[in-house]
């Protein structure tokens, strides 16, 4: 799932600490101006994976995912499907 990070979203600024080698790899992968979006996307994926993994029943896991995943309009869903088919 790819999240689009924008200033218009309800956001919270945080300060984190990480080893220098990891920060250098982060900059190399994301680029200096894209660190926040990259970290947000990675954090969201990790949280979703942990939430789904905590459920033993696939149906319960699906409904848990629906509760924590961002809401999308039908138009956004169709645009994502079309983009994925390109």
C-alpha atoms as a PDB file:
ATOM      1  CA  UNK A   1       0.000   0.000   0.000  1.00  0.00           C
ATOM      2  CA  UNK A   2       1.441   3.348  -0.956  1.00  0.00           C
ATOM      3  CA  UNK A   3       0.395   6.316   1.103  1.00  0.00           C
ATOM      4  CA  UNK A   4       0.595   9.790  -0.354  1.00  0.00           C
ATOM      5  CA  UNK A   5       2.153  12.115   2.200  1.00  0.00           C
ATOM      6  CA  UNK A   6       0.988  15.710   1.957  1.00  0.00           C
ATOM      7  CA  UNK A   7       0.953  18.747   4.186  1.00  0.00           C
ATOM      8  CA  UNK A   8      -2.841  18.814   3.988  1.00  0.00           C
ATOM      9  CA  UNK A   9      -3.094  15.634   6.024  1.00  0.00           C
ATOM     10  CA  UNK A  10      -3.586  15.611   9.765  1.00  0.00           C
ATOM     11  CA  UNK A  11       0.050  15.136  10.800  1.00  0.00           C
ATOM     12  CA  UNK A  12       2.217  15.053  13.905  1.00  0.00           C
ATOM     13  CA  UNK A  13       5.856  16.143  13.882  1.00  0.00           C
ATOM     14  CA  UNK A  14       8.197  13.803  15.733  1.00  0.00           C
ATOM     15  CA  UNK A  15      11.902  13.502  16.413  1.00  0.00           C
ATOM     16  CA  UNK A  16      13.520  10.096  16.151  1.00  0.00           C
ATOM     17  CA  UNK A  17      17.004   8.736  16.677  1.00  0.00           C
ATOM     18  CA  UNK A  18      18.607   6.054  14.539  1.00  0.00           C
ATOM     19  CA  UNK A  19      22.117   4.766  13.888  1.00  0.00           C
ATOM     20  CA  UNK A  20      24.141   6.814  11.395  1.00  0.00           C
ATOM     21  CA  UNK A  21      24.537   3.907   8.977  1.00  0.00           C
ATOM     22  CA  UNK A  22      20.762   3.497   8.817  1.00  0.00           C
ATOM     23  CA  UNK A  23      20.210   7.220   8.304  1.00  0.00           C
ATOM     24  CA  UNK A  24      22.720   7.229   5.432  1.00  0.00           C
ATOM     25  CA  UNK A  25      20.882   4.323   3.794  1.00  0.00           C
ATOM     26  CA  UNK A  26      17.577   6.129   4.306  1.00  0.00           C
ATOM     27  CA  UNK A  27      18.894   9.249   2.583  1.00  0.00           C
ATOM     28  CA  UNK A  28      20.301   7.178  -0.270  1.00  0.00           C
ATOM     29  CA  UNK A  29      16.967   5.416  -0.843  1.00  0.00           C
ATOM     30  CA  UNK A  30      14.484   8.203  -0.192  1.00  0.00           C
ATOM     31  CA  UNK A  31      16.431  11.344  -1.029  1.00  0.00           C
ATOM     32  CA  UNK A  32      16.776  14.298   1.304  1.00  0.00           C
ATOM     33  CA  UNK A  33      13.373  15.838   0.566  1.00  0.00           C
ATOM     34  CA  UNK A  34      11.429  12.583   0.818  1.00  0.00           C
ATOM     35  CA  UNK A  35      12.503  11.187   4.190  1.00  0.00           C
ATOM     36  CA  UNK A  36       9.250  11.989   5.993  1.00  0.00           C
ATOM     37  CA  UNK A  37       7.080  10.318   3.365  1.00  0.00           C
ATOM     38  CA  UNK A  38       9.374   7.298   3.195  1.00  0.00           C
ATOM     39  CA  UNK A  39       9.373   6.820   6.979  1.00  0.00           C
ATOM     40  CA  UNK A  40       5.594   7.331   7.112  1.00  0.00           C
ATOM     41  CA  UNK A  41       5.021   4.703   4.432  1.00  0.00           C
ATOM     42  CA  UNK A  42       7.382   2.212   6.099  1.00  0.00           C
ATOM     43  CA  UNK A  43       5.808   2.775   9.514  1.00  0.00           C
ATOM     44  CA  UNK A  44       2.301   2.375   8.138  1.00  0.00           C
ATOM     45  CA  UNK A  45       3.240  -0.902   6.429  1.00  0.00           C
ATOM     46  CA  UNK A  46       4.823  -2.253   9.623  1.00  0.00           C
ATOM     47  CA  UNK A  47       1.803  -1.304  11.749  1.00  0.00           C
ATOM     48  CA  UNK A  48      -0.640  -2.858   9.281  1.00  0.00           C
ATOM     49  CA  UNK A  49       1.418  -6.061   9.079  1.00  0.00           C
ATOM     50  CA  UNK A  50       1.558  -6.382  12.857  1.00  0.00           C
ATOM     51  CA  UNK A  51      -2.167  -5.700  13.229  1.00  0.00           C
ATOM     52  CA  UNK A  52      -3.063  -8.326  10.625  1.00  0.00           C
ATOM     53  CA  UNK A  53      -0.542 -10.854  11.970  1.00  0.00           C
ATOM     54  CA  UNK A  54      -2.087 -10.553  15.433  1.00  0.00           C
ATOM     55  CA  UNK A  55      -5.350 -11.970  14.099  1.00  0.00           C
ATOM     56  CA  UNK A  56      -5.649 -15.750  13.660  1.00  0.00           C
ATOM     57  CA  UNK A  57      -8.919 -15.690  11.739  1.00  0.00           C
ATOM     58  CA  UNK A  58      -8.549 -14.274   8.187  1.00  0.00           C
ATOM     59  CA  UNK A  59     -12.019 -12.715   8.323  1.00  0.00           C
ATOM     60  CA  UNK A  60     -11.194 -10.951  11.600  1.00  0.00           C
ATOM     61  CA  UNK A  61      -7.884  -9.842  10.087  1.00  0.00           C
ATOM     62  CA  UNK A  62      -9.708  -8.347   7.103  1.00  0.00           C
ATOM     63  CA  UNK A  63     -12.120  -6.382   9.287  1.00  0.00           C
ATOM     64  CA  UNK A  64      -9.268  -5.226  11.552  1.00  0.00           C
ATOM     65  CA  UNK A  65      -7.422  -3.988   8.480  1.00  0.00           C
ATOM     66  CA  UNK A  66     -10.505  -2.084   7.328  1.00  0.00           C
ATOM     67  CA  UNK A  67     -10.685  -0.340  10.712  1.00  0.00           C
ATOM     68  CA  UNK A  68      -7.100   0.949  10.649  1.00  0.00           C
ATOM     69  CA  UNK A  69      -6.480   1.489   6.935  1.00  0.00           C
ATOM     70  CA  UNK A  70      -7.089   4.973   5.549  1.00  0.00           C
ATOM     71  CA  UNK A  71     -10.515   5.493   3.988  1.00  0.00           C
ATOM     72  CA  UNK A  72     -10.554   5.888   0.216  1.00  0.00           C
ATOM     73  CA  UNK A  73     -13.308   7.099  -2.085  1.00  0.00           C
ATOM     74  CA  UNK A  74     -14.511   4.940  -4.970  1.00  0.00           C
ATOM     75  CA  UNK A  75     -12.839   7.392  -7.339  1.00  0.00           C
ATOM     76  CA  UNK A  76      -9.463   6.987  -5.547  1.00  0.00           C
ATOM     77  CA  UNK A  77      -9.796   3.196  -5.636  1.00  0.00           C
ATOM     78  CA  UNK A  78     -10.586   3.152  -9.357  1.00  0.00           C
ATOM     79  CA  UNK A  79      -7.668   5.517 -10.098  1.00  0.00           C
ATOM     80  CA  UNK A  80      -5.312   3.236  -8.145  1.00  0.00           C
ATOM     81  CA  UNK A  81      -6.573   0.171 -10.052  1.00  0.00           C
ATOM     82  CA  UNK A  82      -6.066   1.923 -13.389  1.00  0.00           C
ATOM     83  CA  UNK A  83      -2.591   3.062 -12.365  1.00  0.00           C
ATOM     84  CA  UNK A  84      -1.711  -0.474 -11.293  1.00  0.00           C
ATOM     85  CA  UNK A  85      -2.733  -1.821 -14.698  1.00  0.00           C
ATOM     86  CA  UNK A  86      -0.425   0.563 -16.592  1.00  0.00           C
END
